[in-house]
C-alpha atoms as a PDB file:
ATOM      1  CA  MET A   1     120.656 100.845 103.327  1.00  0.00           C
ATOM      2  CA  HIS A   2     120.477 101.646 106.996  1.00  0.00           C
ATOM      3  CA  VAL A   3     117.271 102.742 108.702  1.00  0.00           C
ATOM      4  CA  SER A   4     117.054 104.204 112.197  1.00  0.00           C
ATOM      5  CA  LEU A   5     113.897 103.526 114.183  1.00  0.00           C
ATOM      6  CA  THR A   6     112.729 104.836 117.512  1.00  0.00           C
ATOM      7  CA  ALA A   7     112.756 102.302 120.331  1.00  0.00           C
ATOM      8  CA  GLU A   8     108.964 102.045 120.096  1.00  0.00           C
ATOM      9  CA  LEU A   9     108.990 101.340 116.352  1.00  0.00           C
ATOM     10  CA  GLU A  10     111.823  98.842 116.710  1.00  0.00           C
ATOM     11  CA  SER A  11     109.810  97.063 119.407  1.00  0.00           C
ATOM     12  CA  ARG A  12     106.761  96.962 117.137  1.00  0.00           C
ATOM     13  CA  VAL A  13     108.797  95.494 114.268  1.00  0.00           C
ATOM     14  CA  LYS A  14     110.285  92.859 116.583  1.00  0.00           C
ATOM     15  CA  ALA A  15     106.808  91.978 117.862  1.00  0.00           C
ATOM     16  CA  LYS A  16     105.591  91.416 114.294  1.00  0.00           C
ATOM     17  CA  VAL A  17     108.514  89.074 113.611  1.00  0.00           C
ATOM     18  CA  GLU A  18     107.991  87.256 116.915  1.00  0.00           C
ATOM     19  CA  SER A  19     104.311  86.784 116.062  1.00  0.00           C
ATOM     20  CA  GLY A  20     105.395  84.473 113.253  1.00  0.00           C
ATOM     21  CA  LEU A  21     103.654  86.504 110.546  1.00  0.00           C
ATOM     22  CA  TYR A  22     107.006  87.685 109.175  1.00  0.00           C
ATOM     23  CA  ASN A  23     110.386  85.990 108.892  1.00  0.00           C
ATOM     24  CA  ASN A  24     112.431  89.115 109.571  1.00  0.00           C
ATOM     25  CA  ALA A  25     112.361  92.879 110.049  1.00  0.00           C
ATOM     26  CA  SER A  26     112.849  93.509 106.325  1.00  0.00           C
ATOM     27  CA  GLU A  27     109.571  91.746 105.533  1.00  0.00           C
ATOM     28  CA  VAL A  28     107.775  93.888 108.116  1.00  0.00           C
ATOM     29  CA  ILE A  29     109.182  97.092 106.639  1.00  0.00           C
ATOM     30  CA  ARG A  30     108.400  96.020 103.057  1.00  0.00           C
ATOM     31  CA  GLU A  31     104.804  95.230 104.056  1.00  0.00           C
ATOM     32  CA  ALA A  32     104.494  98.582 105.834  1.00  0.00           C
ATOM     33  CA  LEU A  33     105.744 100.397 102.723  1.00  0.00           C
ATOM     34  CA  ARG A  34     103.292  98.503 100.509  1.00  0.00           C
ATOM     35  CA  PHE A  35     100.500  99.446 102.899  1.00  0.00           C
ATOM     36  CA  MET A  36     101.635 103.080 102.821  1.00  0.00           C
ATOM     37  CA  ASP A  37     101.534 103.087  99.014  1.00  0.00           C
ATOM     38  CA  THR A  38      98.044 101.577  99.024  1.00  0.00           C
ATOM     39  CA  HIS A  39      96.893 104.088 101.629  1.00  0.00           C
ATOM     40  CA  GLU A  40      98.279 107.003  99.600  1.00  0.00           C
ATOM     41  CA  ASP A  41      96.506 105.700  96.484  1.00  0.00           C
ATOM     42  CA  TRP A  42      93.252 105.437  98.472  1.00  0.00           C
ATOM     43  CA  ILE A  43      93.635 108.993  99.835  1.00  0.00           C
ATOM     44  CA  HIS A  44      94.256 110.240  96.290  1.00  0.00           C
ATOM     45  CA  GLU A  45      91.079 108.511  95.073  1.00  0.00           C
ATOM     46  CA  VAL A  46      89.028 109.961  97.956  1.00  0.00           C
ATOM     47  CA  LYS A  47      90.313 113.472  97.221  1.00  0.00           C
ATOM     48  CA  LEU A  48      89.613 113.018  93.522  1.00  0.00           C
ATOM     49  CA  ALA A  49      86.066 111.803  94.225  1.00  0.00           C
ATOM     50  CA  HIS A  50      85.471 114.828  96.477  1.00  0.00           C
ATOM     51  CA  LEU A  51      86.767 117.173  93.793  1.00  0.00           C
ATOM     52  CA  ARG A  52      84.463 115.543  91.234  1.00  0.00           C
ATOM     53  CA  GLU A  53      81.502 116.056  93.601  1.00  0.00           C
ATOM     54  CA  GLN A  54      82.410 119.735  93.983  1.00  0.00           C
ATOM     55  CA  LEU A  55      82.731 120.143  90.217  1.00  0.00           C
ATOM     56  CA  LYS A  56      79.360 118.452  89.710  1.00  0.00           C
ATOM     57  CA  THR A  57      77.767 120.815  92.229  1.00  0.00           C
ATOM     58  CA  GLY A  58      79.301 123.779  90.423  1.00  0.00           C
ATOM     59  CA  THR A  59      78.220 122.675  86.967  1.00  0.00           C
ATOM     60  CA  ASP A  60      74.710 121.918  88.267  1.00  0.00           C
ATOM     61  CA  GLU A  61      74.524 125.443  89.677  1.00  0.00           C
ATOM     62  CA  LEU A  62      75.712 126.879  86.365  1.00  0.00           C
ATOM     63  CA  ASP A  63      73.113 124.801  84.491  1.00  0.00           C
ATOM     64  CA  ARG A  64      70.415 126.284  86.762  1.00  0.00           C
ATOM     65  CA  GLY A  65      71.679 129.788  86.018  1.00  0.00           C
ATOM     66  CA  ALA A  66      73.002 130.260  89.540  1.00  0.00           C
ATOM     67  CA  GLY A  67      76.467 131.305  88.375  1.00  0.00           C
ATOM     68  CA  ILE A  68      77.897 134.788  88.590  1.00  0.00           C
ATOM     69  CA  THR A  69      79.665 136.824  85.940  1.00  0.00           C
ATOM     70  CA  ILE A  70      83.042 138.304  86.784  1.00  0.00           C
ATOM     71  CA  GLU A  71      83.470 141.486  84.776  1.00  0.00           C
ATOM     72  CA  SER A  72      86.973 142.540  85.830  1.00  0.00           C
ATOM     73  CA  LYS A  73      90.165 141.495  87.559  1.00  0.00           C
ATOM     74  CA  ALA A  74      89.177 143.685  90.513  1.00  0.00           C
ATOM     75  CA  ALA A  75      85.893 141.801  90.827  1.00  0.00           C
ATOM     76  CA  LEU A  76      87.763 138.494  90.703  1.00  0.00           C
ATOM     77  CA  ASP A  77      90.235 139.689  93.335  1.00  0.00           C
ATOM     78  CA  SER A  78      87.322 140.754  95.521  1.00  0.00           C
ATOM     79  CA  LEU A  79      85.693 137.354  95.128  1.00  0.00           C
ATOM     80  CA  PHE A  80      88.920 135.616  96.167  1.00  0.00           C
ATOM     81  CA  ASP A  81      89.253 137.962  99.161  1.00  0.00           C
ATOM     82  CA  ASP A  82      85.706 137.051 100.218  1.00  0.00           C
ATOM     83  CA  ILE A  83      86.497 133.351  99.865  1.00  0.00           C
ATOM     84  CA  LYS A  84      89.652 133.705 101.974  1.00  0.00           C
ATOM     85  CA  ALA A  85      87.716 135.523 104.703  1.00  0.00           C
END
């Protein structure tokens, strides 16, 4: 596999190797990819937690009787139009 890096990124990879923390550029790239995977997992968990909070708020409102009844497709379309605006 061949990877092209900008001059700045190549310099950053070389600096990591020169620091002694990594033996070669491949180790730097592998570590960066592992970090990226961990970061993506963390972002997914944050988004999921936020969605759960929103669902909890919605169900709490429904439990208090604060929900609305949608009687028709036109009413639903109107609601979505209001949300978009």
